[in-house]
Amino acid sequence: MPTLLESLRQHTVVVADTGDFEAMREFRPTDATTNPSLILKAVQQDAYRPILTRVVAANKTAPLPDLVDQVLVAFGTEILGIVPGRVSTEVDARLSFDTQATIDRAHKIIALYDAAGISRDRVLIKIASTWEGIQAARVLQSEGIKVNMTLLFSLVQAVACADADAQLISPFVGRIYDWYKKSAGASWNEAAKAGVNDPGVQSVASIYAYYKKFGIPTEIMGASFRNVGQILALAGSDLLTISPDLLAKLAAEEGDVPALLDPATAAASPVERLTADEVTFRNLLNEDAMATEKLSEGIRAFVADARKLDSLIEALR
């Protein structure tokens, strides 16, 4: 009998949510995603510290933002020597509310990959799903630069990303689950909210139904998982990005994984078209306390780790 990981691969593209090269070699994902927190964690490990020191030593006079991008691209280039598909490299979260600055930073990242001989088809520029970030994505996609829209917690964000022709979205399952569990407090019933009843799973399933019903080509990659049950409940999603510890659990257990998401079922769903103009976006996002809070919280956390990475780099100059 196949392992759960092997069975999952029959329905969904498996992506590694890590900056750990050895985990990628072990679990053989198709793509890999990174974020400021994962890169910060990696460069503090002995195995990956040499990448940071090498890049800093070769570019000591470069402006700090440029040096940070060179570190990110150095990691991305190494990752692309391991995975056969794509790597996601994130624009500084401090630019999440600045459309032009996001575009400019994405251009610099792509230029570094170009200089390293990496095809643009193998790179996704990761951008927070704010209104400003989505407008940056619209411009970048029109230029042939593919984007991965992250920190996505609601259908209206997903609809706006699709309207901007984003290549891929990363709805965050675990962080939605965290919010509802914390909000419920002592009344939370873990068993009743597991699997397909998990609020994070339901959010991604609703986005999947919307996209497939209306023939939207933007890829859906469930992210931020807290347990194996959340992953298995989204089998059939276009992609799932999974941390090494959860990949290990999937690889250690045998079993068949049925596809719980499929385009035919989605096509029959009763969802209706949603407008994605700025006023509607801001109003609907504002009405969704969970999405509003988790988006802001996520940006703050990434900004905090970006600052820590800045400090590590400055200390090596």
Protein backbone atom coordinates (compact mmCIF):
# COMPACT_ATOMS: atom_id res chain seq x y z
CA MET A 1 0.00 0.00 0.00
CA PRO A 2 1.29 3.50 -0.79
CA THR A 3 2.12 6.02 1.88
CA LEU A 4 -0.24 8.92 2.45
CA LEU A 5 2.31 11.18 0.77
CA GLU A 6 2.53 8.97 -2.30
CA SER A 7 -1.24 8.74 -2.50
CA LEU A 8 -1.66 12.49 -2.08
CA ARG A 9 0.68 13.10 -5.04
CA GLN A 10 -1.83 11.33 -7.30
CA HIS A 11 -4.28 14.21 -6.83
CA THR A 12 -2.22 17.24 -5.83
CA VAL A 13 1.19 18.79 -6.54
CA VAL A 14 3.22 18.58 -3.32
CA VAL A 15 5.29 21.64 -2.43
CA ALA A 16 7.84 21.98 0.40
CA ASP A 17 7.18 24.86 2.79
CA THR A 18 10.73 25.26 4.05
CA GLY A 19 14.20 26.69 3.49
CA ASP A 20 15.76 23.35 4.48
CA PHE A 21 17.54 21.80 1.49
CA GLU A 22 17.88 18.39 3.12
CA ALA A 23 14.14 18.16 3.72
CA MET A 24 13.60 18.90 0.04
CA ARG A 25 16.00 16.15 -0.96
CA GLU A 26 14.26 13.70 1.37
CA PHE A 27 10.66 14.38 0.37
CA ARG A 28 11.17 15.30 -3.32
CA PRO A 29 8.58 18.07 -3.69
CA THR A 30 7.81 19.52 -7.09
CA ASP A 31 8.09 23.16 -5.96
CA ALA A 32 9.30 24.97 -2.85
CA THR A 33 8.07 28.07 -1.05
CA THR A 34 9.97 30.36 1.27
CA ASN A 35 9.12 33.38 3.35
CA PRO A 36 11.11 35.79 5.55
CA SER A 37 10.60 33.63 8.64
CA LEU A 38 11.83 30.47 6.92
CA ILE A 39 14.91 32.17 5.46
CA LEU A 40 15.71 33.79 8.82
CA LYS A 41 15.48 30.37 10.47
CA ALA A 42 17.71 28.79 7.81
CA VAL A 43 20.53 31.36 7.88
CA GLN A 44 20.91 30.89 11.64
CA GLN A 45 21.72 27.19 11.14
CA ASP A 46 25.33 26.10 10.67
CA ALA A 47 24.47 24.24 7.48
CA TYR A 48 23.14 27.37 5.74
CA ARG A 49 25.07 30.18 7.37
CA PRO A 50 27.83 30.00 4.70
CA ILE A 51 25.33 31.14 2.05
CA LEU A 52 24.68 34.31 4.03
CA THR A 53 28.34 35.01 4.75
CA ARG A 54 29.33 34.37 1.13
CA VAL A 55 26.74 36.74 -0.28
CA VAL A 56 27.53 39.48 2.23
CA ALA A 57 31.29 39.17 1.68
CA ALA A 58 30.84 39.55 -2.08
CA ASN A 59 28.50 42.56 -1.82
CA LYS A 60 29.56 44.51 1.27
CA THR A 61 28.97 47.93 -0.26
CA ALA A 62 25.55 47.12 -1.69
CA PRO A 63 22.50 48.89 -0.21
CA LEU A 64 20.87 46.73 2.44
CA PRO A 65 17.65 46.03 0.48
CA ASP A 66 19.72 44.86 -2.51
CA LEU A 67 21.84 42.66 -0.26
CA VAL A 68 18.74 41.08 1.28
CA ASP A 69 17.41 40.28 -2.19
CA GLN A 70 20.73 38.71 -3.13
CA VAL A 71 20.52 36.45 -0.07
CA LEU A 72 16.95 35.44 -0.97
CA VAL A 73 17.92 34.71 -4.56
CA ALA A 74 20.99 32.75 -3.44
CA PHE A 75 18.69 30.50 -1.43
CA GLY A 76 16.22 30.32 -4.31
CA THR A 77 18.94 29.33 -6.76
CA GLU A 78 20.14 26.55 -4.45
CA ILE A 79 16.56 25.33 -4.06
CA LEU A 80 16.06 25.20 -7.83
CA GLY A 81 19.04 22.86 -8.02
CA ILE A 82 17.01 20.42 -5.90
CA VAL A 83 13.37 20.75 -6.94
CA PRO A 84 12.30 20.27 -10.57
CA GLY A 85 9.67 23.01 -10.52
CA ARG A 86 9.43 26.52 -9.11
CA VAL A 87 10.56 28.51 -6.11
CA SER A 88 8.65 31.36 -4.49
CA THR A 89 10.69 34.37 -3.36
CA GLU A 90 8.96 37.01 -1.28
CA VAL A 91 9.00 40.77 -1.70
CA ASP A 92 9.79 42.62 1.55
CA ALA A 93 6.57 42.71 3.60
CA ARG A 94 7.31 46.33 4.51
CA LEU A 95 6.19 47.17 0.97
CA SER A 96 2.79 45.48 1.32
CA PHE A 97 0.90 48.77 1.00
CA ASP A 98 3.04 50.32 -1.76
CA THR A 99 2.17 49.14 -5.25
CA GLN A 100 5.04 50.78 -7.14
CA ALA A 101 7.68 49.83 -4.58
CA THR A 102 6.48 46.22 -4.75
CA ILE A 103 6.77 46.26 -8.54
CA ASP A 104 10.25 47.76 -8.38
CA ARG A 105 11.44 45.21 -5.81
CA ALA A 106 10.01 42.34 -7.88
CA HIS A 107 11.91 43.62 -10.92
CA LYS A 108 15.15 43.57 -8.92
CA ILE A 109 14.55 40.03 -7.71
CA ILE A 110 13.78 38.80 -11.22
CA ALA A 111 16.89 40.58 -12.56
CA LEU A 112 19.01 38.69 -10.02
CA TYR A 113 17.49 35.38 -11.11
CA ASP A 114 18.03 36.34 -14.75
CA ALA A 115 21.69 37.05 -13.97
CA ALA A 116 21.97 33.63 -12.34
CA GLY A 117 20.63 32.00 -15.51
CA ILE A 118 17.29 31.02 -13.96
CA SER A 119 14.28 31.04 -16.26
CA ARG A 120 11.38 33.24 -15.16
CA ASP A 121 9.09 30.23 -15.52
CA ARG A 122 10.77 28.75 -12.46
CA VAL A 123 10.26 31.76 -10.19
CA LEU A 124 7.15 33.02 -8.42
CA ILE A 125 7.31 36.46 -6.82
CA LYS A 126 5.50 36.23 -3.50
CA ILE A 127 3.37 39.24 -2.54
CA ALA A 128 0.96 39.89 0.33
CA SER A 129 -2.70 39.92 -0.76
CA THR A 130 -3.42 43.54 0.15
CA TRP A 131 -5.24 45.68 -2.40
CA GLU A 132 -1.92 47.38 -3.22
CA GLY A 133 -0.13 44.05 -3.54
CA ILE A 134 -2.81 42.72 -5.87
CA GLN A 135 -2.45 45.76 -8.13
CA ALA A 136 1.30 45.17 -8.24
CA ALA A 137 0.57 41.58 -9.23
CA ARG A 138 -1.63 42.80 -12.08
CA VAL A 139 1.27 44.79 -13.54
CA LEU A 140 3.86 42.06 -13.00
CA GLN A 141 1.69 39.37 -14.58
CA SER A 142 1.14 41.60 -17.62
CA GLU A 143 4.94 41.75 -17.95
CA GLY A 144 5.33 37.98 -17.84
CA ILE A 145 6.49 37.87 -14.21
CA LYS A 146 4.51 35.24 -12.31
CA VAL A 147 3.27 35.89 -8.79
CA ASN A 148 2.27 33.88 -5.73
CA MET A 149 -0.24 35.83 -3.64
CA THR A 150 0.30 35.04 0.03
CA LEU A 151 -1.38 35.94 3.34
CA LEU A 152 -4.76 35.15 1.80
CA PHE A 153 -7.64 34.49 4.18
CA SER A 154 -10.88 35.28 2.32
CA LEU A 155 -12.83 34.72 -0.86
CA VAL A 156 -12.78 38.40 -1.81
CA GLN A 157 -8.96 38.39 -1.71
CA ALA A 158 -8.97 35.30 -3.93
CA VAL A 159 -11.41 36.88 -6.39
CA ALA A 160 -9.34 40.07 -6.63
CA CYS A 161 -6.18 38.02 -7.19
CA ALA A 162 -7.88 36.10 -9.98
CA ASP A 163 -9.07 39.37 -11.52
CA ALA A 164 -5.42 40.48 -11.56
CA ASP A 165 -4.48 37.25 -13.40
CA ALA A 166 -2.27 36.05 -10.55
CA GLN A 167 -0.49 32.81 -11.36
CA LEU A 168 -1.07 31.31 -7.93
CA ILE A 169 -2.67 32.04 -4.56
CA SER A 170 -1.71 30.65 -1.15
CA PRO A 171 -4.76 30.58 1.16
CA PHE A 172 -3.65 30.00 4.77
CA VAL A 173 -5.50 27.07 6.32
CA GLY A 174 -3.79 26.84 9.70
CA ARG A 175 -3.94 30.52 10.57
CA ILE A 176 -7.69 30.58 9.88
CA TYR A 177 -8.06 27.53 12.11
CA ASP A 178 -6.00 29.29 14.81
CA TRP A 179 -8.27 32.34 14.76
CA TYR A 180 -11.51 30.42 15.08
CA LYS A 181 -10.12 28.15 17.77
CA LYS A 182 -8.90 31.12 19.81
CA SER A 183 -12.18 32.97 19.26
CA ALA A 184 -14.25 29.99 20.43
CA GLY A 185 -12.16 29.50 23.57
CA ALA A 186 -13.47 26.81 25.90
CA SER A 187 -16.40 26.06 23.58
CA TRP A 188 -14.13 24.85 20.75
CA ASN A 189 -14.83 21.24 19.79
CA GLU A 190 -11.74 19.87 18.05
CA ALA A 191 -13.38 16.69 16.83
CA ALA A 192 -16.38 18.54 15.40
CA LYS A 193 -14.10 21.03 13.61
CA ALA A 194 -11.71 18.49 12.10
CA GLY A 195 -11.23 17.48 8.47
CA VAL A 196 -13.76 18.97 6.06
CA ASN A 197 -15.40 20.85 8.96
CA ASP A 198 -12.20 22.74 9.76
CA PRO A 199 -12.83 26.47 9.08
CA GLY A 200 -9.51 26.81 7.28
CA VAL A 201 -10.28 23.84 5.07
CA GLN A 202 -13.75 25.22 4.35
CA SER A 203 -12.26 28.56 3.29
CA VAL A 204 -9.95 26.94 0.75
CA ALA A 205 -12.73 24.63 -0.46
CA SER A 206 -14.97 27.65 -1.11
CA ILE A 207 -12.22 29.35 -3.12
CA TYR A 208 -11.64 26.12 -5.06
CA ALA A 209 -15.35 25.85 -5.87
CA TYR A 210 -15.46 29.47 -7.04
CA TYR A 211 -12.38 29.16 -9.25
CA LYS A 212 -13.39 25.88 -10.85
CA LYS A 213 -17.02 26.91 -11.38
CA PHE A 214 -16.01 30.03 -13.29
CA GLY A 215 -13.04 28.51 -15.10
CA ILE A 216 -10.43 30.68 -13.39
CA PRO A 217 -6.92 29.44 -14.25
CA THR A 218 -5.17 30.88 -11.17
CA GLU A 219 -3.61 28.00 -9.24
CA ILE A 220 -4.72 27.30 -5.66
CA MET A 221 -2.05 26.20 -3.20
CA GLY A 222 -3.30 25.50 0.31
CA ALA A 223 -0.74 26.59 2.91
CA SER A 224 -0.06 26.93 6.64
CA PHE A 225 -1.17 23.54 7.93
CA ARG A 226 -1.43 22.54 11.57
CA ASN A 227 -2.14 18.82 11.14
CA VAL A 228 -2.33 16.00 8.62
CA GLY A 229 -6.13 16.02 8.68
CA GLN A 230 -6.23 19.50 7.15
CA ILE A 231 -3.97 18.35 4.33
CA LEU A 232 -5.95 15.21 3.54
CA ALA A 233 -9.21 17.18 3.56
CA LEU A 234 -7.82 19.32 0.71
CA ALA A 235 -6.58 16.47 -1.49
CA GLY A 236 -7.43 17.49 -5.03
CA SER A 237 -6.36 21.11 -4.59
CA ASP A 238 -4.01 22.22 -7.37
CA LEU A 239 -1.07 22.34 -4.96
CA LEU A 240 -0.43 22.06 -1.23
CA THR A 241 2.67 23.51 0.44
CA ILE A 242 3.61 21.43 3.47
CA SER A 243 6.19 21.77 6.24
CA PRO A 244 8.88 19.07 6.68
CA ASP A 245 7.38 17.72 9.91
CA LEU A 246 4.01 17.14 8.27
CA LEU A 247 5.64 15.71 5.14
CA ALA A 248 7.41 13.24 7.43
CA LYS A 249 4.10 12.21 9.03
CA LEU A 250 2.51 11.70 5.61
CA ALA A 251 5.50 9.63 4.46
CA ALA A 252 5.45 7.47 7.60
CA GLU A 253 1.86 6.25 7.31
CA GLU A 254 0.31 4.02 4.68
CA GLY A 255 -3.13 4.60 3.21
CA ASP A 256 -5.20 5.69 0.25
CA VAL A 257 -6.08 9.36 -0.01
CA PRO A 258 -9.29 10.17 -1.91
CA ALA A 259 -9.62 13.44 -3.79
CA LEU A 260 -12.10 15.45 -1.76
CA LEU A 261 -11.91 18.41 -4.15
CA ASP A 262 -12.69 17.93 -7.82
CA PRO A 263 -13.62 20.30 -10.66
CA ALA A 264 -16.85 18.50 -11.58
CA THR A 265 -18.34 18.87 -8.11
CA ALA A 266 -17.14 22.46 -7.93
CA ALA A 267 -18.79 23.27 -11.25
CA ALA A 268 -22.15 22.30 -9.77
CA SER A 269 -21.78 24.47 -6.68
CA PRO A 270 -24.29 27.32 -6.21
CA VAL A 271 -21.69 30.10 -5.76
CA GLU A 272 -22.32 33.41 -7.51
CA ARG A 273 -19.93 35.84 -9.17
CA LEU A 274 -18.37 38.39 -6.84
CA THR A 275 -17.28 41.89 -7.84
CA ALA A 276 -13.62 42.61 -7.20
CA ASP A 277 -13.42 46.40 -7.45
CA GLU A 278 -11.54 48.31 -4.75
CA VAL A 279 -14.56 49.50 -2.77
CA THR A 280 -16.09 46.02 -2.63
CA PHE A 281 -12.72 44.49 -1.74
CA ARG A 282 -12.09 46.88 1.13
CA ASN A 283 -15.63 46.65 2.47
CA LEU A 284 -15.83 42.86 2.41
CA LEU A 285 -12.37 42.46 3.87
CA ASN A 286 -13.21 44.92 6.61
CA GLU A 287 -16.40 43.01 7.44
CA ASP A 288 -14.39 39.80 7.86
CA ALA A 289 -12.74 40.19 11.28
CA MET A 290 -10.70 37.00 10.89
CA ALA A 291 -9.26 37.91 7.49
CA THR A 292 -8.56 41.50 8.51
CA GLU A 293 -6.79 40.50 11.70
CA LYS A 294 -4.78 37.62 10.22
CA LEU A 295 -3.66 39.69 7.21
CA SER A 296 -2.38 42.49 9.47
CA GLU A 297 -0.84 40.04 11.91
CA GLY A 298 0.90 38.15 9.10
CA ILE A 299 2.41 41.29 7.63
CA ARG A 300 3.64 42.40 11.06
CA ALA A 301 5.27 39.01 11.68
CA PHE A 302 7.02 39.00 8.30
CA VAL A 303 8.18 42.57 8.83
CA ALA A 304 9.61 41.65 12.22
CA ASP A 305 11.58 38.76 10.71
CA ALA A 306 12.72 40.92 7.80
CA ARG A 307 14.19 43.36 10.32
CA LYS A 308 15.96 40.52 12.11
CA LEU A 309 17.43 39.37 8.81
CA ASP A 310 18.57 42.94 8.15
CA SER A 311 20.36 42.94 11.50
CA LEU A 312 22.10 39.63 10.81
CA ILE A 313 23.34 40.96 7.49
CA GLU A 314 24.51 44.27 8.93
CA ALA A 315 26.45 42.43 11.64
CA LEU A 316 28.47 40.63 8.94
CA ARG A 317 29.50 43.78 7.05
